[in-house]
Amino acid sequence: MMDAIYKEKLLREIDDLPDEIVPVFYRMIHQIKNKLMLKTEKSGNRGSLKGIWKGSKIDEAMFAEAKRTLFPYESE
């Protein structure tokens, strides 16, 4: 609902612009939109991993195997 209000306000502002300014205004809005979209894509809230392995039993052999898998060059 609130989005529609702001879109209407923006459209009224654009209608009030002189024609020679509209291309410049478009480029500015386009750049701002692209920058904001990149920020929202990058800053996604991943949440907490707290408790993800709750109740899991991890011994040294499992840790060593995982390390060998991830870093095979270290076991040489």
N, C-alpha and C. Protein backbone atom coordinates (compact mmCIF):
# COMPACT_ATOMS: atom_id res chain seq x y z
N MET A 1 0.83 -1.18 0.00
CA MET A 1 0.00 0.00 0.00
C MET A 1 0.88 1.25 0.00
N MET A 2 1.87 1.28 0.89
CA MET A 2 2.74 2.44 0.99
C MET A 2 3.56 2.61 -0.28
N ASP A 3 3.95 1.47 -0.92
CA ASP A 3 4.71 1.54 -2.17
C ASP A 3 3.94 2.30 -3.24
N ALA A 4 2.65 2.06 -3.34
CA ALA A 4 1.82 2.73 -4.36
C ALA A 4 1.79 4.24 -4.14
N ILE A 5 1.78 4.65 -2.89
CA ILE A 5 1.77 6.08 -2.58
C ILE A 5 3.05 6.74 -3.07
N TYR A 6 4.20 6.10 -2.79
CA TYR A 6 5.47 6.67 -3.21
C TYR A 6 5.63 6.64 -4.73
N LYS A 7 5.13 5.60 -5.37
CA LYS A 7 5.19 5.56 -6.83
C LYS A 7 4.38 6.70 -7.44
N GLU A 8 3.22 6.95 -6.89
CA GLU A 8 2.39 8.06 -7.37
C GLU A 8 3.10 9.40 -7.16
N LYS A 9 3.72 9.55 -6.00
CA LYS A 9 4.46 10.80 -5.73
C LYS A 9 5.60 10.98 -6.73
N LEU A 10 6.32 9.90 -6.99
CA LEU A 10 7.42 9.97 -7.96
C LEU A 10 6.91 10.33 -9.36
N LEU A 11 5.82 9.72 -9.76
CA LEU A 11 5.26 10.03 -11.08
C LEU A 11 4.84 11.49 -11.18
N ARG A 12 4.28 12.04 -10.12
CA ARG A 12 3.90 13.47 -10.12
C ARG A 12 5.14 14.35 -10.23
N GLU A 13 6.20 13.98 -9.51
CA GLU A 13 7.44 14.75 -9.58
C GLU A 13 8.02 14.70 -11.00
N ILE A 14 7.99 13.53 -11.61
CA ILE A 14 8.51 13.38 -12.97
C ILE A 14 7.69 14.21 -13.95
N ASP A 15 6.39 14.20 -13.78
CA ASP A 15 5.52 15.01 -14.66
C ASP A 15 5.84 16.49 -14.56
N ASP A 16 6.31 16.94 -13.41
CA ASP A 16 6.61 18.36 -13.22
C ASP A 16 7.98 18.77 -13.78
N LEU A 17 8.81 17.80 -14.17
CA LEU A 17 10.15 18.11 -14.67
C LEU A 17 10.07 18.71 -16.09
N PRO A 18 10.94 19.67 -16.37
CA PRO A 18 11.05 20.16 -17.74
C PRO A 18 11.57 19.03 -18.64
N ASP A 19 11.11 19.01 -19.90
CA ASP A 19 11.46 17.92 -20.82
C ASP A 19 12.96 17.72 -20.98
N GLU A 20 13.73 18.79 -20.98
CA GLU A 20 15.17 18.65 -21.20
C GLU A 20 15.89 18.00 -20.01
N ILE A 21 15.26 17.97 -18.86
CA ILE A 21 15.87 17.37 -17.67
C ILE A 21 15.51 15.89 -17.54
N VAL A 22 14.47 15.44 -18.19
CA VAL A 22 13.99 14.07 -18.03
C VAL A 22 15.07 13.03 -18.36
N PRO A 23 15.83 13.15 -19.46
CA PRO A 23 16.88 12.14 -19.72
C PRO A 23 17.94 12.08 -18.61
N VAL A 24 18.32 13.24 -18.11
CA VAL A 24 19.31 13.29 -17.02
C VAL A 24 18.73 12.64 -15.77
N PHE A 25 17.50 12.95 -15.47
CA PHE A 25 16.83 12.39 -14.30
C PHE A 25 16.73 10.86 -14.44
N TYR A 26 16.39 10.40 -15.64
CA TYR A 26 16.30 8.96 -15.87
C TYR A 26 17.63 8.28 -15.59
N ARG A 27 18.72 8.82 -16.12
CA ARG A 27 20.03 8.22 -15.90
C ARG A 27 20.39 8.18 -14.41
N MET A 28 20.04 9.25 -13.70
CA MET A 28 20.31 9.27 -12.26
C MET A 28 19.51 8.19 -11.54
N ILE A 29 18.24 8.10 -11.83
CA ILE A 29 17.39 7.10 -11.17
C ILE A 29 17.86 5.70 -11.52
N HIS A 30 18.22 5.49 -12.78
CA HIS A 30 18.70 4.18 -13.21
C HIS A 30 19.95 3.78 -12.44
N GLN A 31 20.90 4.69 -12.28
CA GLN A 31 22.13 4.41 -11.53
C GLN A 31 21.83 4.13 -10.06
N ILE A 32 20.97 4.93 -9.48
CA ILE A 32 20.61 4.72 -8.06
C ILE A 32 19.95 3.36 -7.88
N LYS A 33 19.02 3.02 -8.77
CA LYS A 33 18.33 1.74 -8.67
C LYS A 33 19.32 0.59 -8.76
N ASN A 34 20.24 0.66 -9.71
CA ASN A 34 21.22 -0.41 -9.87
C ASN A 34 22.10 -0.55 -8.64
N LYS A 35 22.53 0.56 -8.06
CA LYS A 35 23.37 0.51 -6.85
C LYS A 35 22.59 -0.09 -5.68
N LEU A 36 21.35 0.32 -5.52
CA LEU A 36 20.54 -0.20 -4.41
C LEU A 36 20.24 -1.68 -4.58
N MET A 37 20.00 -2.11 -5.81
CA MET A 37 19.71 -3.52 -6.05
C MET A 37 20.93 -4.37 -5.74
N LEU A 38 22.12 -3.89 -6.09
CA LEU A 38 23.33 -4.64 -5.78
C LEU A 38 23.52 -4.78 -4.28
N LYS A 39 23.26 -3.70 -3.55
CA LYS A 39 23.43 -3.75 -2.10
C LYS A 39 22.46 -4.73 -1.47
N THR A 40 21.21 -4.75 -1.91
CA THR A 40 20.24 -5.65 -1.29
C THR A 40 20.54 -7.09 -1.65
N GLU A 41 21.08 -7.34 -2.85
CA GLU A 41 21.44 -8.70 -3.22
C GLU A 41 22.62 -9.19 -2.40
N LYS A 42 23.57 -8.33 -2.12
CA LYS A 42 24.77 -8.72 -1.39
C LYS A 42 24.53 -8.84 0.11
N SER A 43 23.64 -8.05 0.64
CA SER A 43 23.52 -7.98 2.09
C SER A 43 22.39 -8.85 2.63
N GLY A 44 22.11 -9.95 1.96
CA GLY A 44 21.06 -10.84 2.43
C GLY A 44 21.32 -11.31 3.85
N ASN A 45 20.31 -11.42 4.63
CA ASN A 45 20.45 -11.85 6.01
C ASN A 45 20.48 -13.38 6.03
N ARG A 46 21.64 -13.93 6.33
CA ARG A 46 21.79 -15.38 6.34
C ARG A 46 21.34 -15.99 7.66
N GLY A 47 21.14 -15.19 8.64
CA GLY A 47 20.71 -15.72 9.92
C GLY A 47 21.85 -16.36 10.69
N SER A 48 21.51 -17.01 11.75
CA SER A 48 22.50 -17.61 12.63
C SER A 48 22.66 -19.10 12.34
N LEU A 49 23.86 -19.58 12.50
CA LEU A 49 24.12 -21.01 12.38
C LEU A 49 24.19 -21.68 13.75
N LYS A 50 23.87 -20.90 14.77
CA LYS A 50 23.92 -21.42 16.14
C LYS A 50 22.99 -22.63 16.27
N GLY A 51 23.54 -23.70 16.75
CA GLY A 51 22.75 -24.90 17.00
C GLY A 51 22.58 -25.81 15.80
N ILE A 52 23.23 -25.51 14.68
CA ILE A 52 23.03 -26.31 13.48
C ILE A 52 23.54 -27.75 13.66
N TRP A 53 24.58 -27.91 14.46
CA TRP A 53 25.12 -29.24 14.68
C TRP A 53 24.74 -29.78 16.07
N LYS A 54 23.70 -29.27 16.61
CA LYS A 54 23.28 -29.67 17.96
C LYS A 54 23.08 -31.19 18.01
N GLY A 55 23.75 -31.82 18.93
CA GLY A 55 23.62 -33.26 19.11
C GLY A 55 24.54 -34.08 18.23
N SER A 56 25.28 -33.44 17.33
CA SER A 56 26.19 -34.18 16.44
C SER A 56 27.47 -34.54 17.20
N LYS A 57 27.99 -35.69 16.87
CA LYS A 57 29.24 -36.14 17.47
C LYS A 57 30.32 -36.07 16.38
N ILE A 58 31.33 -35.26 16.61
CA ILE A 58 32.42 -35.11 15.66
C ILE A 58 33.71 -35.48 16.38
N ASP A 59 34.35 -36.54 15.88
CA ASP A 59 35.61 -36.94 16.50
C ASP A 59 36.79 -36.49 15.64
N GLU A 60 38.00 -36.73 16.13
CA GLU A 60 39.21 -36.28 15.43
C GLU A 60 39.36 -36.91 14.05
N ALA A 61 38.93 -38.16 13.88
CA ALA A 61 39.04 -38.84 12.58
C ALA A 61 38.18 -38.13 11.53
N MET A 62 36.99 -37.73 11.92
CA MET A 62 36.11 -37.01 10.98
C MET A 62 36.71 -35.65 10.63
N PHE A 63 37.25 -34.99 11.62
CA PHE A 63 37.88 -33.69 11.39
C PHE A 63 39.09 -33.84 10.46
N ALA A 64 39.91 -34.85 10.69
CA ALA A 64 41.09 -35.08 9.86
C ALA A 64 40.69 -35.40 8.42
N GLU A 65 39.66 -36.21 8.23
CA GLU A 65 39.18 -36.55 6.89
C GLU A 65 38.66 -35.31 6.17
N ALA A 66 37.91 -34.49 6.85
CA ALA A 66 37.41 -33.25 6.26
C ALA A 66 38.57 -32.34 5.87
N LYS A 67 39.56 -32.27 6.71
CA LYS A 67 40.73 -31.43 6.42
C LYS A 67 41.48 -31.95 5.20
N ARG A 68 41.64 -33.28 5.10
CA ARG A 68 42.31 -33.87 3.93
C ARG A 68 41.51 -33.59 2.65
N THR A 69 40.19 -33.62 2.74
CA THR A 69 39.35 -33.37 1.58
C THR A 69 39.44 -31.92 1.13
N LEU A 70 39.42 -31.01 2.08
CA LEU A 70 39.45 -29.58 1.74
C LEU A 70 40.84 -29.08 1.39
N PHE A 71 41.86 -29.64 2.04
CA PHE A 71 43.23 -29.17 1.85
C PHE A 71 44.15 -30.35 1.53
N PRO A 72 43.99 -30.99 0.37
CA PRO A 72 44.78 -32.19 0.06
C PRO A 72 46.28 -31.91 -0.03
N TYR A 73 46.65 -30.70 -0.36
CA TYR A 73 48.07 -30.35 -0.48
C TYR A 73 48.77 -30.30 0.86
N GLU A 74 48.05 -30.22 1.95
CA GLU A 74 48.68 -30.17 3.28
C GLU A 74 49.04 -31.56 3.80
N SER A 75 48.42 -32.60 3.25
CA SER A 75 48.70 -33.95 3.76
C SER A 75 49.84 -34.63 3.04
N GLU A 76 50.49 -33.93 2.13
CA GLU A 76 51.61 -34.49 1.39
C GLU A 76 52.89 -34.44 2.18
